[in-house]
Amino acid sequence: MGAEVAQRPLFIQFAREPVAGAVKTRLLPALTPEQACDLHSELVLWTSRTLCAAAVAEVELSVAGNVLHPLFRECQDLGVAAVRPQSSGCLGTRMYRALQSGLQCSQKVLLVGSDCPQIDKQYLLAALAALDECEVVLGPAADGGYVLIGVRELYWRWFEGIAWGSDSVYGATLARLDETATSWQALSVLRDIDRPEDLPLWRSVAAGGP
């Protein structure tokens, strides 16, 4: 049984507690704080539904804030196996520790945010397939970050000193992968829903269903 668990991939979804005025703030004032918070919740549910419906990995939710918020119970109703608190520290520290924990029970771990509704089953399968050939896979974001990171190995250096939230995240991460002589592959570029100009994309994707 232990070997079977180790061979099954793990998806970790990062999410924040929905608090009006504290989430999706870059969408203000195009949206009110309440509307932005509602959109945040919709994206969290969309991502959980996509990850669970893929039916190729265990899905865990890693939460910044109150893990008992009703939103995360809805995620569990969709199939999320566990809701865990994120560690303290900057985003890079929290990502590193989540991946480190995941690798203790799975040989392949994918960490995704809750901001990219373009991620679908085919994208997730491509990420897992890439990890058969290399140690790291990245899903680049159009804004210069990344929407997904998948790992079979892990170094703190990949997350150290990154200007999170900037357009240099992806490039800086590639430089650190080269520093540690890590083999990696990149998937196709996708867009996060972060700014007012991203709202038409969300409406288009949402209209088509997950």
Protein backbone atom coordinates (compact mmCIF):
# COMPACT_ATOMS: atom_id res chain seq x y z
CA MET A 1 0.00 0.00 0.00
CA GLY A 2 2.81 2.42 0.85
CA ALA A 3 4.38 1.99 -2.60
CA GLU A 4 1.02 2.61 -4.27
CA VAL A 5 0.53 5.85 -2.37
CA ALA A 6 4.04 7.01 -3.26
CA GLN A 7 3.40 6.44 -6.98
CA ARG A 8 0.14 8.39 -7.07
CA PRO A 9 0.68 12.07 -7.96
CA LEU A 10 -0.40 14.85 -5.63
CA PHE A 11 -2.00 18.14 -6.63
CA ILE A 12 -1.70 20.99 -4.11
CA GLN A 13 -3.97 23.96 -4.70
CA PHE A 14 -2.97 27.24 -3.06
CA ALA A 15 -5.87 29.44 -1.98
CA ARG A 16 -6.61 32.35 0.31
CA GLU A 17 -9.50 32.82 2.67
CA PRO A 18 -12.09 34.99 0.88
CA VAL A 19 -12.14 38.35 2.66
CA ALA A 20 -13.55 41.37 0.85
CA GLY A 21 -10.86 44.00 0.40
CA ALA A 22 -8.05 41.48 0.95
CA VAL A 23 -8.31 39.31 -2.20
CA LYS A 24 -8.17 40.23 -5.89
CA THR A 25 -7.31 43.81 -4.97
CA ARG A 26 -5.80 44.48 -8.41
CA LEU A 27 -9.33 44.18 -9.84
CA LEU A 28 -10.40 47.29 -7.92
CA PRO A 29 -12.07 49.62 -8.78
CA ALA A 30 -13.32 47.78 -11.87
CA LEU A 31 -15.04 45.52 -9.32
CA THR A 32 -16.17 46.37 -5.82
CA PRO A 33 -14.32 44.62 -2.98
CA GLU A 34 -17.33 42.32 -2.56
CA GLN A 35 -17.47 41.47 -6.26
CA ALA A 36 -13.73 40.79 -6.31
CA CYS A 37 -14.13 38.51 -3.30
CA ASP A 38 -16.97 36.65 -5.02
CA LEU A 39 -14.81 36.20 -8.10
CA HIS A 40 -11.99 34.90 -5.93
CA SER A 41 -14.33 32.28 -4.45
CA GLU A 42 -15.56 31.28 -7.92
CA LEU A 43 -11.99 30.78 -9.11
CA VAL A 44 -11.10 28.70 -6.04
CA LEU A 45 -14.08 26.42 -6.67
CA TRP A 46 -13.35 26.27 -10.40
CA THR A 47 -9.79 25.15 -9.75
CA SER A 48 -10.79 22.55 -7.16
CA ARG A 49 -13.39 21.17 -9.54
CA THR A 50 -10.86 20.95 -12.38
CA LEU A 51 -8.20 19.24 -10.27
CA CYS A 52 -10.63 16.73 -8.77
CA ALA A 53 -12.42 16.00 -12.05
CA ALA A 54 -9.10 15.14 -13.70
CA ALA A 55 -9.14 12.04 -11.46
CA VAL A 56 -5.41 11.41 -11.81
CA ALA A 57 -4.10 12.54 -8.42
CA GLU A 58 -4.98 13.19 -4.82
CA VAL A 59 -5.97 16.83 -4.34
CA GLU A 60 -5.13 18.91 -1.28
CA LEU A 61 -5.97 22.53 -0.57
CA SER A 62 -3.30 24.66 1.10
CA VAL A 63 -4.95 27.70 2.66
CA ALA A 64 -3.72 31.10 3.78
CA GLY A 65 -6.19 32.19 6.45
CA ASN A 66 -9.07 30.39 8.09
CA VAL A 67 -9.16 26.76 6.91
CA LEU A 68 -12.67 26.40 8.36
CA HIS A 69 -14.23 28.94 6.00
CA PRO A 70 -17.34 27.46 4.30
CA LEU A 71 -15.72 27.94 0.88
CA PHE A 72 -13.22 25.23 1.65
CA ARG A 73 -15.96 22.83 2.78
CA GLU A 74 -17.43 23.31 -0.70
CA CYS A 75 -14.06 22.37 -2.15
CA GLN A 76 -14.08 19.18 -0.10
CA ASP A 77 -17.56 18.42 -1.41
CA LEU A 78 -16.03 18.57 -4.90
CA GLY A 79 -13.47 15.93 -3.96
CA VAL A 80 -10.59 17.74 -2.25
CA ALA A 81 -9.11 15.19 0.13
CA ALA A 82 -7.63 17.55 2.72
CA VAL A 83 -7.53 21.22 3.66
CA ARG A 84 -4.30 22.29 5.35
CA PRO A 85 -2.97 25.64 6.56
CA GLN A 86 -0.10 27.20 4.69
CA SER A 87 3.09 27.75 6.65
CA SER A 88 4.19 31.19 7.72
CA GLY A 89 6.60 33.29 5.69
CA CYS A 90 6.73 34.75 2.20
CA LEU A 91 5.07 33.06 -0.76
CA GLY A 92 8.28 31.31 -1.74
CA THR A 93 8.70 29.84 1.74
CA ARG A 94 5.10 28.67 1.81
CA MET A 95 5.37 27.06 -1.63
CA TYR A 96 8.64 25.35 -0.77
CA ARG A 97 7.27 23.90 2.45
CA ALA A 98 4.08 22.69 0.77
CA LEU A 99 6.05 20.94 -1.97
CA GLN A 100 8.50 19.54 0.57
CA SER A 101 5.62 18.04 2.54
CA GLY A 102 4.02 16.68 -0.62
CA LEU A 103 7.19 14.90 -1.70
CA GLN A 104 7.14 12.94 1.53
CA CYS A 105 4.10 11.03 0.27
CA SER A 106 4.28 11.31 -3.52
CA GLN A 107 6.93 11.06 -6.19
CA LYS A 108 5.29 13.77 -8.31
CA VAL A 109 3.78 16.92 -6.83
CA LEU A 110 2.04 19.70 -8.76
CA LEU A 111 1.34 23.01 -7.04
CA VAL A 112 -1.15 25.36 -8.68
CA GLY A 113 -2.70 28.64 -7.72
CA SER A 114 -6.42 29.41 -7.84
CA ASP A 115 -6.20 32.19 -10.43
CA CYS A 116 -5.92 30.37 -13.77
CA PRO A 117 -9.15 28.88 -15.15
CA GLN A 118 -7.36 27.95 -18.39
CA ILE A 119 -5.74 25.00 -16.60
CA ASP A 120 -7.59 21.86 -17.69
CA LYS A 121 -7.11 18.11 -17.55
CA GLN A 122 -4.92 18.06 -20.65
CA TYR A 123 -2.62 20.68 -19.13
CA LEU A 124 -2.33 18.69 -15.92
CA LEU A 125 -1.61 15.47 -17.81
CA ALA A 126 1.07 17.25 -19.83
CA ALA A 127 2.68 18.43 -16.59
CA LEU A 128 2.72 14.91 -15.15
CA ALA A 129 4.12 13.51 -18.39
CA ALA A 130 6.90 16.12 -18.34
CA LEU A 131 7.93 14.90 -14.91
CA ASP A 132 8.66 11.51 -16.43
CA GLU A 133 11.45 13.21 -18.39
CA CYS A 134 12.71 15.94 -16.06
CA GLU A 135 12.80 17.07 -12.44
CA VAL A 136 10.69 20.23 -12.73
CA VAL A 137 7.86 21.43 -14.95
CA LEU A 138 6.61 25.00 -15.08
CA GLY A 139 3.45 26.51 -16.51
CA PRO A 140 4.43 30.05 -17.51
CA ALA A 141 1.97 32.88 -16.95
CA ALA A 142 1.50 35.67 -19.45
CA ASP A 143 2.31 38.23 -16.74
CA GLY A 144 5.81 36.85 -16.13
CA GLY A 145 5.02 34.49 -13.28
CA TYR A 146 3.93 30.88 -13.43
CA VAL A 147 0.56 29.18 -12.92
CA LEU A 148 1.93 25.75 -12.06
CA ILE A 149 5.10 24.16 -10.76
CA GLY A 150 5.57 20.42 -10.68
CA VAL A 151 8.51 18.70 -9.01
CA ARG A 152 10.20 15.38 -8.41
CA GLU A 153 13.15 17.07 -6.65
CA LEU A 154 13.29 20.23 -4.60
CA TYR A 155 15.82 22.93 -3.73
CA TRP A 156 15.19 25.99 -1.59
CA ARG A 157 17.33 28.00 -4.01
CA TRP A 158 14.50 27.96 -6.59
CA PHE A 159 12.35 30.10 -4.27
CA GLU A 160 15.01 32.25 -2.59
CA GLY A 161 15.05 35.98 -3.28
CA ILE A 162 12.26 35.93 -5.87
CA ALA A 163 10.28 39.16 -6.28
CA TRP A 164 6.90 37.44 -6.02
CA GLY A 165 4.11 39.21 -7.87
CA SER A 166 6.49 40.82 -10.36
CA ASP A 167 7.03 40.09 -14.04
CA SER A 168 10.48 38.65 -13.28
CA VAL A 169 9.34 35.56 -11.38
CA TYR A 170 9.50 33.07 -14.26
CA GLY A 171 12.87 34.28 -15.57
CA ALA A 172 14.41 34.34 -12.10
CA THR A 173 13.14 30.83 -11.42
CA LEU A 174 14.71 29.52 -14.64
CA ALA A 175 18.02 31.09 -13.64
CA ARG A 176 17.90 29.29 -10.30
CA LEU A 177 17.04 25.99 -11.97
CA ASP A 178 20.14 26.42 -14.10
CA GLU A 179 22.21 27.19 -10.98
CA THR A 180 21.21 23.85 -9.45
CA ALA A 181 21.71 21.98 -12.76
CA THR A 182 18.06 20.94 -12.66
CA SER A 183 16.36 19.47 -15.72
CA TRP A 184 13.09 21.22 -16.52
CA GLN A 185 10.38 21.65 -19.12
CA ALA A 186 7.88 24.41 -19.78
CA LEU A 187 4.23 24.05 -20.75
CA SER A 188 2.25 26.52 -22.84
CA VAL A 189 1.73 30.05 -21.54
CA LEU A 190 -1.59 30.72 -19.77
CA ARG A 191 -3.22 33.78 -18.22
CA ASP A 192 -4.16 34.43 -14.62
CA ILE A 193 -7.27 36.42 -13.73
CA ASP A 194 -5.62 39.26 -11.83
CA ARG A 195 -6.40 42.55 -13.55
CA PRO A 196 -9.45 44.25 -15.09
CA GLU A 197 -8.23 43.39 -18.59
CA ASP A 198 -8.40 39.69 -17.62
CA LEU A 199 -12.13 39.78 -16.84
CA PRO A 200 -13.30 39.12 -20.44
CA LEU A 201 -11.20 35.95 -20.46
CA TRP A 202 -12.83 34.75 -17.24
CA ARG A 203 -16.30 35.44 -18.61
CA SER A 204 -15.46 33.56 -21.79
CA VAL A 205 -14.01 30.55 -20.00
CA ALA A 206 -16.79 30.45 -17.41
CA ALA A 207 -19.44 30.56 -20.13
CA GLY A 208 -17.93 27.43 -21.67
CA GLY A 209 -17.93 25.43 -18.43
CA PRO A 210 -14.98 23.63 -16.76
